[in-house]
Amino acid sequence: MTTKKRELARTSDELLADLERLKRLEQEKRQQPISSKAFHELAEQVTETSEEIMHGVRHQERLGDEAEPGGRIEELSRSE
């Protein structure tokens, strides 16, 4: 397996974990009183996590463009 494909599988796993974290943060924020300190702190974490996700997605896109065709991320992720 090429280095690009391994990195693509790793970043895909990280993306899924980040999406779960984003979901948990947003669910927690929804439980806070609007405009409270906790609400704003969670909103900031949601924003930061979203920005990290976008950075990771762009990196994945570049890796996908550079990797040789063939294989599936799911298979690569399980083989590590």
N, C-alpha and C. Protein backbone atom coordinates (compact mmCIF):
# COMPACT_ATOMS: atom_id res chain seq x y z
N MET A 1 0.85 -1.18 0.00
CA MET A 1 0.00 0.00 0.00
C MET A 1 0.89 1.24 0.00
N THR A 2 0.52 2.23 -0.80
CA THR A 2 1.34 3.42 -0.90
C THR A 2 1.17 4.31 0.33
N THR A 3 2.16 5.15 0.54
CA THR A 3 2.12 6.09 1.66
C THR A 3 0.92 7.01 1.55
N LYS A 4 0.62 7.49 0.34
CA LYS A 4 -0.54 8.38 0.14
C LYS A 4 -1.83 7.69 0.55
N LYS A 5 -1.98 6.44 0.19
CA LYS A 5 -3.20 5.71 0.53
C LYS A 5 -3.29 5.47 2.03
N ARG A 6 -2.17 5.16 2.66
CA ARG A 6 -2.18 4.97 4.13
C ARG A 6 -2.57 6.28 4.82
N GLU A 7 -1.99 7.38 4.34
CA GLU A 7 -2.32 8.68 4.93
C GLU A 7 -3.78 9.04 4.69
N LEU A 8 -4.28 8.70 3.51
CA LEU A 8 -5.69 8.96 3.21
C LEU A 8 -6.60 8.17 4.15
N ALA A 9 -6.26 6.91 4.40
CA ALA A 9 -7.06 6.10 5.32
C ALA A 9 -6.99 6.67 6.73
N ARG A 10 -5.80 7.09 7.16
CA ARG A 10 -5.64 7.67 8.50
C ARG A 10 -6.45 8.96 8.64
N THR A 11 -6.37 9.83 7.63
CA THR A 11 -7.10 11.09 7.73
C THR A 11 -8.61 10.87 7.64
N SER A 12 -9.03 9.83 6.94
CA SER A 12 -10.45 9.50 6.89
C SER A 12 -10.95 9.06 8.27
N ASP A 13 -10.15 8.23 8.94
CA ASP A 13 -10.50 7.82 10.31
C ASP A 13 -10.58 9.03 11.24
N GLU A 14 -9.63 9.95 11.09
CA GLU A 14 -9.63 11.17 11.91
C GLU A 14 -10.86 12.01 11.61
N LEU A 15 -11.25 12.11 10.34
CA LEU A 15 -12.42 12.88 9.96
C LEU A 15 -13.67 12.32 10.64
N LEU A 16 -13.82 11.01 10.60
CA LEU A 16 -15.00 10.41 11.24
C LEU A 16 -15.03 10.70 12.74
N ALA A 17 -13.87 10.64 13.39
CA ALA A 17 -13.80 10.95 14.82
C ALA A 17 -14.12 12.42 15.08
N ASP A 18 -13.60 13.30 14.22
CA ASP A 18 -13.87 14.73 14.37
C ASP A 18 -15.35 15.05 14.17
N LEU A 19 -15.98 14.36 13.23
CA LEU A 19 -17.41 14.58 13.00
C LEU A 19 -18.23 14.15 14.21
N GLU A 20 -17.84 13.06 14.84
CA GLU A 20 -18.52 12.61 16.07
C GLU A 20 -18.33 13.65 17.18
N ARG A 21 -17.11 14.16 17.29
CA ARG A 21 -16.83 15.19 18.31
C ARG A 21 -17.66 16.44 18.03
N LEU A 22 -17.75 16.85 16.77
CA LEU A 22 -18.55 18.02 16.41
C LEU A 22 -20.01 17.81 16.77
N LYS A 23 -20.51 16.63 16.49
CA LYS A 23 -21.91 16.32 16.83
C LYS A 23 -22.14 16.41 18.33
N ARG A 24 -21.22 15.83 19.13
CA ARG A 24 -21.36 15.89 20.60
C ARG A 24 -21.34 17.33 21.09
N LEU A 25 -20.41 18.13 20.57
CA LEU A 25 -20.32 19.53 21.00
C LEU A 25 -21.59 20.30 20.66
N GLU A 26 -22.10 20.09 19.45
CA GLU A 26 -23.31 20.81 19.03
C GLU A 26 -24.51 20.36 19.86
N GLN A 27 -24.60 19.08 20.17
CA GLN A 27 -25.70 18.61 21.00
C GLN A 27 -25.61 19.22 22.40
N GLU A 28 -24.40 19.31 22.94
CA GLU A 28 -24.22 19.91 24.26
C GLU A 28 -24.56 21.39 24.23
N LYS A 29 -24.15 22.09 23.18
CA LYS A 29 -24.45 23.52 23.05
C LYS A 29 -25.95 23.77 23.02
N ARG A 30 -26.68 22.89 22.36
CA ARG A 30 -28.14 23.04 22.24
C ARG A 30 -28.83 22.96 23.59
N GLN A 31 -28.18 22.37 24.57
CA GLN A 31 -28.77 22.22 25.90
C GLN A 31 -28.50 23.44 26.80
N GLN A 32 -27.64 24.34 26.36
CA GLN A 32 -27.25 25.50 27.17
C GLN A 32 -28.19 26.67 26.92
N PRO A 33 -28.37 27.52 27.92
CA PRO A 33 -29.15 28.73 27.68
C PRO A 33 -28.45 29.59 26.61
N ILE A 34 -29.23 30.07 25.67
CA ILE A 34 -28.68 30.88 24.58
C ILE A 34 -27.96 32.09 25.16
N SER A 35 -26.77 32.33 24.64
CA SER A 35 -25.93 33.46 24.99
C SER A 35 -25.29 33.36 26.37
N SER A 36 -25.42 32.21 27.01
CA SER A 36 -24.75 32.01 28.29
C SER A 36 -23.25 31.79 28.04
N LYS A 37 -22.46 31.85 29.10
CA LYS A 37 -21.02 31.63 28.97
C LYS A 37 -20.74 30.24 28.39
N ALA A 38 -21.42 29.23 28.90
CA ALA A 38 -21.23 27.86 28.40
C ALA A 38 -21.61 27.76 26.92
N PHE A 39 -22.69 28.43 26.54
CA PHE A 39 -23.13 28.43 25.14
C PHE A 39 -22.04 28.98 24.24
N HIS A 40 -21.46 30.13 24.63
CA HIS A 40 -20.42 30.77 23.82
C HIS A 40 -19.14 29.94 23.78
N GLU A 41 -18.78 29.33 24.90
CA GLU A 41 -17.59 28.49 24.93
C GLU A 41 -17.76 27.28 24.00
N LEU A 42 -18.93 26.67 24.04
CA LEU A 42 -19.19 25.53 23.17
C LEU A 42 -19.27 25.97 21.70
N ALA A 43 -19.85 27.13 21.46
CA ALA A 43 -19.92 27.65 20.09
C ALA A 43 -18.51 27.85 19.53
N GLU A 44 -17.61 28.33 20.36
CA GLU A 44 -16.23 28.51 19.92
C GLU A 44 -15.58 27.16 19.60
N GLN A 45 -15.85 26.15 20.43
CA GLN A 45 -15.32 24.81 20.17
C GLN A 45 -15.91 24.21 18.89
N VAL A 46 -17.18 24.48 18.65
CA VAL A 46 -17.83 24.01 17.42
C VAL A 46 -17.16 24.66 16.21
N THR A 47 -16.91 25.95 16.29
CA THR A 47 -16.25 26.66 15.19
C THR A 47 -14.85 26.11 14.95
N GLU A 48 -14.08 25.94 16.01
CA GLU A 48 -12.71 25.43 15.87
C GLU A 48 -12.71 24.02 15.28
N THR A 49 -13.60 23.18 15.75
CA THR A 49 -13.69 21.81 15.24
C THR A 49 -14.10 21.81 13.77
N SER A 50 -15.03 22.67 13.42
CA SER A 50 -15.47 22.77 12.02
C SER A 50 -14.32 23.19 11.12
N GLU A 51 -13.52 24.14 11.58
CA GLU A 51 -12.36 24.59 10.79
C GLU A 51 -11.34 23.47 10.64
N GLU A 52 -11.12 22.70 11.70
CA GLU A 52 -10.21 21.55 11.62
C GLU A 52 -10.73 20.53 10.62
N ILE A 53 -12.04 20.31 10.62
CA ILE A 53 -12.64 19.36 9.69
C ILE A 53 -12.43 19.83 8.25
N MET A 54 -12.67 21.10 7.99
CA MET A 54 -12.48 21.61 6.63
C MET A 54 -11.03 21.48 6.19
N HIS A 55 -10.10 21.76 7.07
CA HIS A 55 -8.68 21.60 6.74
C HIS A 55 -8.40 20.14 6.39
N GLY A 56 -8.91 19.22 7.19
CA GLY A 56 -8.69 17.80 6.95
C GLY A 56 -9.32 17.32 5.65
N VAL A 57 -10.51 17.82 5.33
CA VAL A 57 -11.18 17.43 4.10
C VAL A 57 -10.39 17.91 2.88
N ARG A 58 -9.88 19.11 2.95
CA ARG A 58 -9.07 19.62 1.83
C ARG A 58 -7.79 18.79 1.67
N HIS A 59 -7.19 18.42 2.81
CA HIS A 59 -5.99 17.58 2.76
C HIS A 59 -6.32 16.22 2.15
N GLN A 60 -7.45 15.65 2.52
CA GLN A 60 -7.88 14.37 1.95
C GLN A 60 -8.08 14.48 0.45
N GLU A 61 -8.65 15.57 0.02
CA GLU A 61 -8.88 15.76 -1.41
C GLU A 61 -7.55 15.76 -2.18
N ARG A 62 -6.55 16.46 -1.63
CA ARG A 62 -5.23 16.49 -2.26
C ARG A 62 -4.62 15.09 -2.29
N LEU A 63 -4.73 14.37 -1.17
CA LEU A 63 -4.20 13.00 -1.12
C LEU A 63 -4.88 12.11 -2.14
N GLY A 64 -6.18 12.25 -2.26
CA GLY A 64 -6.93 11.45 -3.23
C GLY A 64 -6.52 11.74 -4.66
N ASP A 65 -6.20 13.01 -4.93
CA ASP A 65 -5.73 13.38 -6.27
C ASP A 65 -4.35 12.79 -6.55
N GLU A 66 -3.52 12.67 -5.52
CA GLU A 66 -2.15 12.22 -5.69
C GLU A 66 -1.98 10.70 -5.61
N ALA A 67 -2.91 10.01 -4.99
CA ALA A 67 -2.80 8.56 -4.80
C ALA A 67 -3.09 7.82 -6.11
N GLU A 68 -2.48 6.66 -6.24
CA GLU A 68 -2.76 5.84 -7.41
C GLU A 68 -4.15 5.24 -7.27
N PRO A 69 -4.85 5.04 -8.39
CA PRO A 69 -6.21 4.51 -8.33
C PRO A 69 -6.25 3.09 -7.77
N GLY A 70 -7.38 2.74 -7.19
CA GLY A 70 -7.61 1.38 -6.72
C GLY A 70 -7.69 1.27 -5.22
N GLY A 71 -8.39 0.26 -4.77
CA GLY A 71 -8.59 0.04 -3.34
C GLY A 71 -9.69 0.92 -2.80
N ARG A 72 -10.08 0.64 -1.57
CA ARG A 72 -11.11 1.43 -0.88
C ARG A 72 -10.57 1.83 0.48
N ILE A 73 -10.95 3.03 0.91
CA ILE A 73 -10.48 3.53 2.20
C ILE A 73 -10.87 2.58 3.32
N GLU A 74 -12.09 2.07 3.29
CA GLU A 74 -12.56 1.19 4.35
C GLU A 74 -11.67 -0.04 4.49
N GLU A 75 -11.26 -0.60 3.35
CA GLU A 75 -10.37 -1.76 3.37
C GLU A 75 -8.99 -1.39 3.91
N LEU A 76 -8.50 -0.25 3.49
CA LEU A 76 -7.18 0.21 3.93
C LEU A 76 -7.18 0.51 5.42
N SER A 77 -8.25 1.10 5.90
CA SER A 77 -8.35 1.47 7.31
C SER A 77 -8.36 0.22 8.19
N ARG A 78 -9.03 -0.81 7.76
CA ARG A 78 -9.12 -2.05 8.55
C ARG A 78 -7.83 -2.84 8.51
N SER A 79 -7.00 -2.65 7.49
CA SER A 79 -5.78 -3.44 7.36
C SER A 79 -4.63 -2.91 8.22
N GLU A 80 -4.80 -1.76 8.84
CA GLU A 80 -3.71 -1.16 9.63
C GLU A 80 -3.68 -1.71 11.03
